[in-house]
Amino acid sequence: MRIKSALAAAAIVALAGACGSGGGDGGSSSSSSSGEPVKINFLSLAWQKESVAANKQIVDEWNKANPNIQVTYVQGSWDNVNDQLVTQFAGGTAPDVIHNDSPALSGFATDGYLLDLKDKLPAELKSDIPQSAWDTVTFGDGKGGQGVYGVPFLQESQVIIANKKLLDAAKVRIPTPDNPWTWDEFSAAAKKMTKDGTFGVAWAMKSPVNKTLNLALNFGGTFFQTADGKTTVKVGPEEREVLQRIHDQLYTDKSADPAALGQGTADPLPAFYKGKFAMLPAGVFLRQQVAEQAPDGFEWVTLPGPKGTSAQQGAVSQTLSIAQDSKHPDEAMKFIAYFLNGANQAKLAKGDWLLPTSQQAAADPAMTTQENGWDVATASAKNLVVAPFLKVNGFDEWKTKVATPVLQEYFANKITIDEAAKRLVDEGNKVLERYQR
């Protein structure tokens, strides 16, 4: 075990040396002092074939058009990126441009490892991305102010992927982005489609927390509250709405397939193709697997998520940041502005089957076609607001140690909603308290 750990550590350090730019005083120039081109390392976490191809294509196009600023594409992985970055930041070898997601930025920004971009953002880039997306990368700068520690470029919303044949046979109203189902209509539709051994809906709840918390905003549920600088867990009437409604579909209406409960997001798809249930609430990215794997002749549609008192959903963003120690922050910002322009964001969103933050990209015909539900998916971006948990120090531990097991027990009908609420709050506050001492 010790040998394996040592080898792993050595591998990380070796990778750090390979992709790091080294420390610096933050100054920049359009070429190095020797007349050689400025060299920038870009750590990308793209992993799907289409997405990797889009990333590399944009880097190649940049390098051809900018001989004095050359970007090296470095492949990273979501599985270990934050551990890798901790090592690289500590050693002064972090890449110049870093792909990550907004929940990871707060800690790195607090530790001084990321550059505050608020005074470096080009006007066109800043205005093309709505404020709700910028909110996902805005955190305290440790000096009483707020800093912007990344550029948000891809987001995920929750939609409903539905069996068109079963939907049509039930003769229910088909929801649209402008007129989505209410939660009551959604539950009624699920009940109507539950017959002859077929369930109306399936909730894959192996990892229930993000899905539940993001949908809770439909009723104004935030799960966290901050007063006098102290954050605590809150499970009141607003937070209980979505919890109770999903539970009712499972145990009162019996319109939700219990077999899906312990499954991961994509695990119910084989049963979906066989007509075991009619609707699968999921992130927009799941459309890719359905489009690529559904059997011939299987017809499916993408429906907007239901609405409560609003259609709001919580969002996090994939991001590009600049290391505080980058020797070439100005050139890095130029590259980011190019990489995330409207046309390129459309390519990146298409490759990842996610939503672009760029308003120019959202208007691209590739993002508005009815094919594979892109029109519904892209329209759902207007409902995204910053997920409240994004700003909570200690959220990851609360999610792993408290919320995941409690929600799994609740959705398995092993505890009541009152018991679930009490444990989320009591056990959760003990976790958060450690982070606020």
Protein backbone atom coordinates (compact mmCIF):
# COMPACT_ATOMS: atom_id res chain seq x y z
CA MET A 1 0.00 0.00 0.00
CA ARG A 2 2.81 2.39 0.92
CA ILE A 3 4.62 1.63 -2.33
CA LYS A 4 1.45 2.24 -4.35
CA SER A 5 0.87 5.52 -2.52
CA ALA A 6 4.43 6.62 -3.15
CA LEU A 7 4.17 5.75 -6.82
CA ALA A 8 0.88 7.62 -7.10
CA ALA A 9 2.40 10.67 -5.42
CA ALA A 10 5.39 10.50 -7.72
CA ALA A 11 3.13 10.26 -10.74
CA ILE A 12 1.21 13.35 -9.65
CA VAL A 13 4.40 15.31 -9.12
CA ALA A 14 5.69 14.19 -12.51
CA LEU A 15 2.43 15.28 -14.14
CA ALA A 16 2.61 18.56 -12.24
CA GLY A 17 6.04 19.24 -13.65
CA ALA A 18 4.90 18.32 -17.13
CA CYS A 19 1.92 20.65 -17.26
CA GLY A 20 2.84 23.46 -14.89
CA SER A 21 3.93 26.92 -15.97
CA GLY A 22 5.90 27.63 -12.80
CA GLY A 23 5.60 30.60 -10.48
CA GLY A 24 5.80 34.18 -11.58
CA ASP A 25 5.18 37.76 -10.64
CA GLY A 26 1.95 37.98 -12.61
CA GLY A 27 3.44 40.14 -15.38
CA SER A 28 2.86 39.18 -19.01
CA SER A 29 3.99 39.99 -22.49
CA SER A 30 3.05 38.93 -26.00
CA SER A 31 6.26 36.94 -26.40
CA SER A 32 9.01 35.71 -24.12
CA SER A 33 12.18 37.68 -23.53
CA SER A 34 14.04 35.41 -25.96
CA GLY A 35 11.62 36.19 -28.75
CA GLU A 36 10.06 32.76 -28.45
CA PRO A 37 6.26 32.51 -28.35
CA VAL A 38 4.51 32.71 -24.99
CA LYS A 39 3.59 29.18 -23.91
CA ILE A 40 0.39 28.50 -22.01
CA ASN A 41 -0.72 25.17 -20.57
CA PHE A 42 -4.43 24.41 -20.65
CA LEU A 43 -5.73 21.64 -18.36
CA SER A 44 -8.92 20.24 -19.92
CA LEU A 45 -11.29 17.79 -18.26
CA ALA A 46 -13.23 16.99 -21.42
CA TRP A 47 -13.76 13.22 -21.57
CA GLN A 48 -16.45 12.37 -24.09
CA LYS A 49 -15.14 11.71 -27.60
CA GLU A 50 -17.05 14.60 -29.20
CA SER A 51 -16.08 16.97 -26.40
CA VAL A 52 -12.35 16.12 -26.51
CA ALA A 53 -12.38 16.60 -30.29
CA ALA A 54 -14.08 20.01 -29.93
CA ASN A 55 -11.57 21.12 -27.27
CA LYS A 56 -8.57 20.09 -29.34
CA GLN A 57 -9.99 21.64 -32.49
CA ILE A 58 -10.43 25.02 -30.79
CA VAL A 59 -6.87 24.88 -29.37
CA ASP A 60 -5.48 24.03 -32.82
CA GLU A 61 -7.40 26.91 -34.42
CA TRP A 62 -6.07 29.29 -31.75
CA ASN A 63 -2.47 28.17 -32.24
CA LYS A 64 -2.66 28.62 -36.01
CA ALA A 65 -4.08 32.14 -35.62
CA ASN A 66 -1.78 33.18 -32.74
CA PRO A 67 1.84 32.15 -33.42
CA ASN A 68 3.10 34.34 -30.54
CA ILE A 69 0.84 32.68 -27.93
CA GLN A 70 0.95 28.90 -28.14
CA VAL A 71 -1.37 26.76 -26.04
CA THR A 72 -0.54 23.19 -25.00
CA TYR A 73 -3.56 20.96 -24.41
CA VAL A 74 -3.13 18.85 -21.25
CA GLN A 75 -5.66 16.07 -20.63
CA GLY A 76 -6.94 15.83 -17.05
CA SER A 77 -9.68 13.81 -15.37
CA TRP A 78 -12.67 14.75 -13.23
CA ASP A 79 -11.81 11.77 -11.03
CA ASN A 80 -8.68 13.31 -9.49
CA VAL A 81 -8.42 16.89 -10.68
CA ASN A 82 -8.74 18.60 -7.31
CA ASP A 83 -6.15 16.36 -5.63
CA GLN A 84 -3.87 16.98 -8.58
CA LEU A 85 -4.35 20.75 -8.36
CA VAL A 86 -3.63 20.82 -4.62
CA THR A 87 -0.23 19.27 -5.35
CA GLN A 88 0.45 21.58 -8.28
CA PHE A 89 -0.61 24.76 -6.50
CA ALA A 90 1.57 23.89 -3.51
CA GLY A 91 4.53 23.24 -5.81
CA GLY A 92 4.02 26.33 -7.99
CA THR A 93 3.51 24.13 -11.05
CA ALA A 94 -0.18 24.58 -11.81
CA PRO A 95 -1.30 24.99 -15.44
CA ASP A 96 -2.10 28.52 -16.59
CA VAL A 97 -5.69 27.80 -17.66
CA ILE A 98 -7.68 25.36 -15.52
CA HIS A 99 -10.92 23.59 -16.41
CA ASN A 100 -13.01 22.73 -13.32
CA ASP A 101 -16.50 23.30 -11.93
CA SER A 102 -17.77 26.12 -9.78
CA PRO A 103 -18.11 24.18 -6.48
CA ALA A 104 -14.32 23.64 -6.47
CA LEU A 105 -13.43 27.29 -7.03
CA SER A 106 -14.34 28.71 -3.64
CA GLY A 107 -11.71 26.77 -1.68
CA PHE A 108 -8.95 27.39 -4.19
CA ALA A 109 -9.86 31.09 -4.35
CA THR A 110 -9.85 31.38 -0.55
CA ASP A 111 -6.37 29.83 -0.48
CA GLY A 112 -5.12 32.39 -3.00
CA TYR A 113 -4.47 29.95 -5.82
CA LEU A 114 -6.79 31.46 -8.44
CA LEU A 115 -6.59 34.86 -10.11
CA ASP A 116 -9.49 37.27 -9.59
CA LEU A 117 -10.71 37.90 -13.14
CA LYS A 118 -13.21 40.69 -12.51
CA ASP A 119 -10.93 43.42 -13.91
CA LYS A 120 -9.58 41.27 -16.75
CA LEU A 121 -12.81 40.13 -18.43
CA PRO A 122 -13.27 41.49 -21.96
CA ALA A 123 -16.54 43.43 -22.26
CA GLU A 124 -17.92 41.21 -25.03
CA LEU A 125 -17.34 38.02 -23.02
CA LYS A 126 -18.80 39.54 -19.86
CA SER A 127 -21.97 40.78 -21.56
CA ASP A 128 -22.56 37.55 -23.50
CA ILE A 129 -22.91 35.50 -20.30
CA PRO A 130 -25.88 36.32 -18.02
CA GLN A 131 -25.34 37.46 -14.43
CA SER A 132 -27.00 34.32 -13.06
CA ALA A 133 -24.09 32.32 -14.51
CA TRP A 134 -21.46 34.77 -13.22
CA ASP A 135 -23.02 34.33 -9.77
CA THR A 136 -21.83 30.70 -9.79
CA VAL A 137 -18.16 31.81 -9.95
CA THR A 138 -18.33 34.84 -7.64
CA PHE A 139 -16.97 34.31 -4.13
CA GLY A 140 -15.54 36.33 -1.27
CA ASP A 141 -11.98 37.47 -1.98
CA GLY A 142 -10.87 37.21 1.65
CA LYS A 143 -10.62 41.00 1.90
CA GLY A 144 -14.26 41.80 2.42
CA GLY A 145 -15.02 42.06 -1.29
CA GLN A 146 -16.18 39.72 -4.03
CA GLY A 147 -14.01 38.22 -6.74
CA VAL A 148 -14.71 36.39 -10.00
CA TYR A 149 -12.58 33.25 -10.09
CA GLY A 150 -13.57 31.62 -13.35
CA VAL A 151 -15.54 32.01 -16.55
CA PRO A 152 -18.68 29.81 -16.50
CA PHE A 153 -19.37 28.08 -19.79
CA LEU A 154 -21.42 24.87 -19.48
CA GLN A 155 -24.39 24.19 -17.20
CA GLU A 156 -26.86 21.38 -16.58
CA SER A 157 -30.61 21.53 -16.07
CA GLN A 158 -33.10 18.83 -15.11
CA VAL A 159 -35.53 17.73 -17.84
CA ILE A 160 -37.87 14.77 -18.33
CA ILE A 161 -37.00 12.19 -20.98
CA ALA A 162 -40.22 10.50 -22.06
CA ASN A 163 -41.40 7.53 -24.13
CA LYS A 164 -43.36 9.23 -26.92
CA LYS A 165 -45.61 6.24 -27.61
CA LEU A 166 -46.73 5.99 -23.97
CA LEU A 167 -47.08 9.77 -23.72
CA ASP A 168 -49.31 9.93 -26.80
CA ALA A 169 -51.42 6.96 -25.66
CA ALA A 170 -52.16 8.65 -22.34
CA LYS A 171 -53.50 11.71 -24.16
CA VAL A 172 -52.02 14.10 -21.58
CA ARG A 173 -51.14 17.69 -22.34
CA ILE A 174 -47.60 17.92 -23.70
CA PRO A 175 -45.69 20.53 -21.69
CA THR A 176 -43.57 23.17 -23.44
CA PRO A 177 -40.82 25.49 -22.18
CA ASP A 178 -43.34 28.35 -22.14
CA ASN A 179 -46.04 26.27 -20.48
CA PRO A 180 -44.46 23.45 -18.44
CA TRP A 181 -46.39 21.05 -16.29
CA THR A 182 -47.00 22.02 -12.71
CA TRP A 183 -45.89 19.38 -10.21
CA ASP A 184 -49.57 18.47 -9.80
CA GLU A 185 -49.94 17.97 -13.56
CA PHE A 186 -46.71 15.97 -13.66
CA SER A 187 -47.96 13.65 -10.90
CA ALA A 188 -51.36 13.31 -12.59
CA ALA A 189 -49.68 12.41 -15.91
CA ALA A 190 -47.52 9.82 -14.16
CA LYS A 191 -50.62 8.27 -12.56
CA LYS A 192 -52.42 8.15 -15.90
CA MET A 193 -49.48 6.37 -17.53
CA THR A 194 -49.26 3.78 -14.73
CA LYS A 195 -51.14 0.70 -15.95
CA ASP A 196 -50.66 -2.81 -17.30
CA GLY A 197 -47.33 -3.28 -15.53
CA THR A 198 -45.93 0.05 -16.73
CA PHE A 199 -45.03 2.82 -14.31
CA GLY A 200 -45.44 6.50 -15.12
CA VAL A 201 -42.03 7.65 -13.89
CA ALA A 202 -38.70 6.41 -12.51
CA TRP A 203 -36.51 8.29 -10.05
CA ALA A 204 -32.88 7.17 -10.08
CA MET A 205 -31.80 8.16 -6.57
CA LYS A 206 -28.47 6.45 -5.90
CA SER A 207 -27.06 10.00 -5.68
CA PRO A 208 -30.14 11.98 -4.60
CA VAL A 209 -28.72 15.19 -3.17
CA ASN A 210 -27.92 17.51 -6.09
CA LYS A 211 -31.04 16.50 -8.01
CA THR A 212 -33.30 17.04 -5.00
CA LEU A 213 -31.70 20.33 -3.93
CA ASN A 214 -31.74 21.77 -7.45
CA LEU A 215 -35.42 20.89 -7.96
CA ALA A 216 -36.30 22.20 -4.47
CA LEU A 217 -35.88 25.72 -5.84
CA ASN A 218 -39.16 25.09 -7.74
CA PHE A 219 -40.80 25.94 -4.41
CA GLY A 220 -38.15 28.30 -3.06
CA GLY A 221 -36.42 25.56 -1.07
CA THR A 222 -32.79 26.43 -0.35
CA PHE A 223 -31.86 23.96 2.45
CA PHE A 224 -29.40 26.49 3.89
CA GLN A 225 -29.74 29.87 5.59
CA THR A 226 -27.13 32.38 6.71
CA ALA A 227 -27.58 34.86 9.57
CA ASP A 228 -24.87 36.93 11.24
CA GLY A 229 -22.26 35.16 9.15
CA LYS A 230 -23.30 31.68 10.33
CA THR A 231 -24.78 29.14 7.90
CA THR A 232 -27.20 26.46 9.12
CA VAL A 233 -29.34 23.77 7.48
CA LYS A 234 -33.03 24.57 6.91
CA VAL A 235 -35.76 22.04 6.10
CA GLY A 236 -39.04 23.94 6.23
CA PRO A 237 -42.24 23.76 4.17
CA GLU A 238 -40.47 24.96 0.99
CA GLU A 239 -37.75 22.31 1.22
CA ARG A 240 -40.26 19.54 1.98
CA GLU A 241 -42.37 20.13 -1.14
CA VAL A 242 -40.28 18.21 -3.69
CA LEU A 243 -39.26 15.58 -1.13
CA GLN A 244 -42.90 14.84 -0.32
CA ARG A 245 -44.04 14.87 -3.96
CA ILE A 246 -41.43 12.34 -5.08
CA HIS A 247 -42.26 10.19 -2.03
CA ASP A 248 -45.98 10.38 -2.87
CA GLN A 249 -45.32 9.18 -6.43
CA LEU A 250 -43.49 6.19 -4.95
CA TYR A 251 -45.80 5.18 -2.10
CA THR A 252 -49.17 6.97 -2.38
CA ASP A 253 -49.79 7.12 -6.13
CA LYS A 254 -47.53 4.12 -6.76
CA SER A 255 -46.76 5.71 -10.12
CA ALA A 256 -42.96 5.60 -9.69
CA ASP A 257 -40.97 2.44 -10.38
CA PRO A 258 -39.37 1.36 -7.07
CA ALA A 259 -36.74 -0.67 -8.95
CA ALA A 260 -35.00 2.53 -10.10
CA LEU A 261 -34.55 4.04 -6.62
CA GLY A 262 -31.09 2.65 -5.90
CA GLN A 263 -29.83 3.17 -9.43
CA GLY A 264 -27.45 5.73 -10.91
CA THR A 265 -28.66 8.23 -13.49
CA ALA A 266 -28.24 6.06 -16.59
CA ASP A 267 -28.96 2.66 -15.00
CA PRO A 268 -32.74 2.72 -15.68
CA LEU A 269 -32.30 3.20 -19.45
CA PRO A 270 -32.58 -0.50 -20.46
CA ALA A 271 -35.93 -0.71 -18.62
CA PHE A 272 -36.97 2.61 -20.20
CA TYR A 273 -36.35 1.23 -23.70
CA LYS A 274 -38.48 -1.83 -22.83
CA GLY A 275 -41.43 0.35 -21.81
CA LYS A 276 -41.23 -0.48 -18.09
CA PHE A 277 -41.88 3.18 -17.30
CA ALA A 278 -42.82 6.25 -19.32
CA MET A 279 -40.75 9.15 -17.93
CA LEU A 280 -37.25 9.58 -16.54
CA PRO A 281 -36.34 12.90 -14.86
CA ALA A 282 -32.61 13.46 -15.49
CA GLY A 283 -29.92 15.94 -16.39
CA VAL A 284 -29.88 17.16 -20.00
CA PHE A 285 -26.66 15.25 -20.68
CA LEU A 286 -28.50 11.90 -20.51
CA ARG A 287 -30.06 12.66 -23.89
CA GLN A 288 -26.78 11.62 -25.50
CA GLN A 289 -27.00 8.04 -24.25
CA VAL A 290 -30.63 7.79 -25.31
CA ALA A 291 -29.85 9.17 -28.78
CA GLU A 292 -26.91 6.80 -29.23
CA GLN A 293 -28.22 3.65 -27.53
CA ALA A 294 -32.00 3.52 -27.93
CA PRO A 295 -33.13 0.60 -30.09
CA ASP A 296 -34.30 1.24 -33.65
CA GLY A 297 -37.85 2.51 -33.75
CA PHE A 298 -37.88 3.73 -30.14
CA GLU A 299 -39.38 7.22 -30.10
CA TRP A 300 -38.54 9.58 -27.24
CA VAL A 301 -38.97 13.26 -26.47
CA THR A 302 -37.45 15.78 -24.07
CA LEU A 303 -39.92 17.61 -21.82
CA PRO A 304 -39.17 20.60 -19.59
CA GLY A 305 -38.94 19.98 -15.86
CA PRO A 306 -42.08 20.72 -13.82
CA LYS A 307 -42.67 23.99 -12.03
CA GLY A 308 -43.86 24.79 -8.54
CA THR A 309 -44.23 28.40 -7.43
CA SER A 310 -41.55 28.97 -10.10
CA ALA A 311 -39.61 26.94 -12.67
CA GLN A 312 -36.26 27.86 -11.12
CA GLN A 313 -33.58 25.21 -10.75
CA GLY A 314 -30.22 25.39 -9.05
CA ALA A 315 -27.13 25.41 -11.25
CA VAL A 316 -23.42 24.93 -11.04
CA SER A 317 -21.10 25.66 -13.95
CA GLN A 318 -18.10 24.17 -15.65
CA THR A 319 -15.45 26.86 -15.58
CA LEU A 320 -12.12 28.09 -16.91
CA SER A 321 -9.84 29.80 -14.37
CA ILE A 322 -6.33 31.26 -14.38
CA ALA A 323 -3.74 30.19 -11.82
CA GLN A 324 -2.59 33.04 -9.55
CA ASP A 325 1.04 32.07 -10.29
CA SER A 326 0.65 32.08 -14.08
CA LYS A 327 3.46 34.02 -15.76
CA HIS A 328 1.13 35.04 -18.57
CA PRO A 329 -2.33 35.92 -17.19
CA ASP A 330 -3.17 38.45 -19.92
CA GLU A 331 -2.43 35.97 -22.69
CA ALA A 332 -4.33 33.28 -20.77
CA MET A 333 -7.36 35.60 -20.61
CA LYS A 334 -7.14 36.22 -24.37
CA PHE A 335 -7.17 32.49 -24.98
CA ILE A 336 -10.14 31.95 -22.63
CA ALA A 337 -12.10 34.73 -24.38
CA TYR A 338 -11.50 33.01 -27.72
CA PHE A 339 -12.14 29.50 -26.41
CA LEU A 340 -15.49 30.59 -24.95
CA ASN A 341 -16.81 32.85 -27.70
CA GLY A 342 -20.34 32.15 -28.94
CA ALA A 343 -19.43 29.87 -31.85
CA ASN A 344 -17.00 27.82 -29.77
CA GLN A 345 -19.36 27.48 -26.81
CA ALA A 346 -21.95 26.02 -29.19
CA LYS A 347 -19.38 23.39 -30.26
CA LEU A 348 -18.47 22.63 -26.64
CA ALA A 349 -22.11 22.37 -25.53
CA LYS A 350 -22.93 20.07 -28.45
CA GLY A 351 -19.94 17.88 -27.59
CA ASP A 352 -20.95 17.55 -23.92
CA TRP A 353 -24.74 17.63 -24.43
CA LEU A 354 -24.93 20.46 -21.90
CA LEU A 355 -26.16 24.08 -21.97
CA PRO A 356 -23.93 26.97 -23.04
CA THR A 357 -23.89 30.08 -20.86
CA SER A 358 -23.19 32.22 -23.94
CA GLN A 359 -26.35 33.88 -25.21
CA GLN A 360 -24.85 33.91 -28.73
CA ALA A 361 -24.27 30.16 -28.49
CA ALA A 362 -27.81 29.54 -27.22
CA ALA A 363 -29.14 31.16 -30.41
CA ASP A 364 -27.02 28.91 -32.65
CA PRO A 365 -29.21 26.66 -34.86
CA ALA A 366 -27.41 23.61 -33.42
CA MET A 367 -28.75 24.60 -29.98
CA THR A 368 -32.35 25.29 -31.07
CA THR A 369 -33.10 22.31 -33.31
CA GLN A 370 -35.90 19.96 -32.23
CA GLU A 371 -33.62 17.01 -32.96
CA ASN A 372 -32.72 15.18 -29.73
CA GLY A 373 -34.60 17.79 -27.69
CA TRP A 374 -32.02 20.56 -28.04
CA ASP A 375 -34.74 23.24 -28.28
CA VAL A 376 -36.27 22.20 -24.94
CA ALA A 377 -32.88 21.71 -23.28
CA THR A 378 -31.52 25.10 -24.36
CA ALA A 379 -34.73 26.89 -23.36
CA SER A 380 -34.40 25.46 -19.84
CA ALA A 381 -31.26 27.52 -19.26
CA LYS A 382 -33.41 30.58 -18.58
CA ASN A 383 -34.62 28.94 -15.35
CA LEU A 384 -31.15 28.33 -13.90
CA VAL A 385 -30.03 30.33 -10.88
CA VAL A 386 -27.02 29.84 -8.66
CA ALA A 387 -27.45 26.74 -6.49
CA PRO A 388 -27.62 27.96 -2.85
CA PHE A 389 -25.35 25.14 -1.67
CA LEU A 390 -22.57 26.48 -3.90
CA LYS A 391 -21.70 29.09 -1.29
CA VAL A 392 -21.82 26.72 1.71
CA ASN A 393 -18.49 25.84 3.30
CA GLY A 394 -18.68 22.18 4.30
CA PHE A 395 -21.38 21.25 1.78
CA ASP A 396 -19.43 18.30 0.35
CA GLU A 397 -19.13 16.62 3.76
CA TRP A 398 -22.80 17.36 4.60
CA LYS A 399 -23.79 15.85 1.25
CA THR A 400 -21.67 12.71 1.65
CA LYS A 401 -22.06 11.94 5.36
CA VAL A 402 -25.53 13.30 6.11
CA ALA A 403 -27.78 14.13 3.17
CA THR A 404 -27.06 11.14 0.91
CA PRO A 405 -27.81 8.42 3.49
CA VAL A 406 -30.78 10.33 4.99
CA LEU A 407 -32.44 10.95 1.61
CA GLN A 408 -31.80 7.38 0.51
CA GLU A 409 -33.54 6.13 3.66
CA TYR A 410 -36.42 8.57 3.19
CA PHE A 411 -37.02 7.65 -0.44
CA ALA A 412 -36.79 3.96 0.54
CA ASN A 413 -39.65 4.67 3.01
CA LYS A 414 -37.54 3.67 6.02
CA ILE A 415 -37.97 7.00 7.82
CA THR A 416 -40.64 9.71 7.82
CA ILE A 417 -40.19 13.17 6.36
CA ASP A 418 -40.09 14.59 9.92
CA GLU A 419 -37.28 12.21 10.85
CA ALA A 420 -35.43 13.04 7.63
CA ALA A 421 -35.77 16.78 8.26
CA LYS A 422 -34.54 16.47 11.85
CA ARG A 423 -31.45 14.49 10.85
CA LEU A 424 -30.61 16.75 7.92
CA VAL A 425 -30.68 19.73 10.27
CA ASP A 426 -29.20 18.29 13.49
CA GLU A 427 -26.45 16.17 11.97
CA GLY A 428 -25.89 18.72 9.22
CA ASN A 429 -25.34 21.64 11.57
CA LYS A 430 -22.69 19.66 13.45
CA VAL A 431 -20.81 19.27 10.17
CA LEU A 432 -21.15 22.92 9.12
CA GLU A 433 -20.14 24.16 12.55
CA ARG A 434 -16.66 22.68 12.16
CA TYR A 435 -16.13 24.66 8.98
CA GLN A 436 -17.17 27.95 10.61
CA ARG A 437 -14.97 27.91 13.69
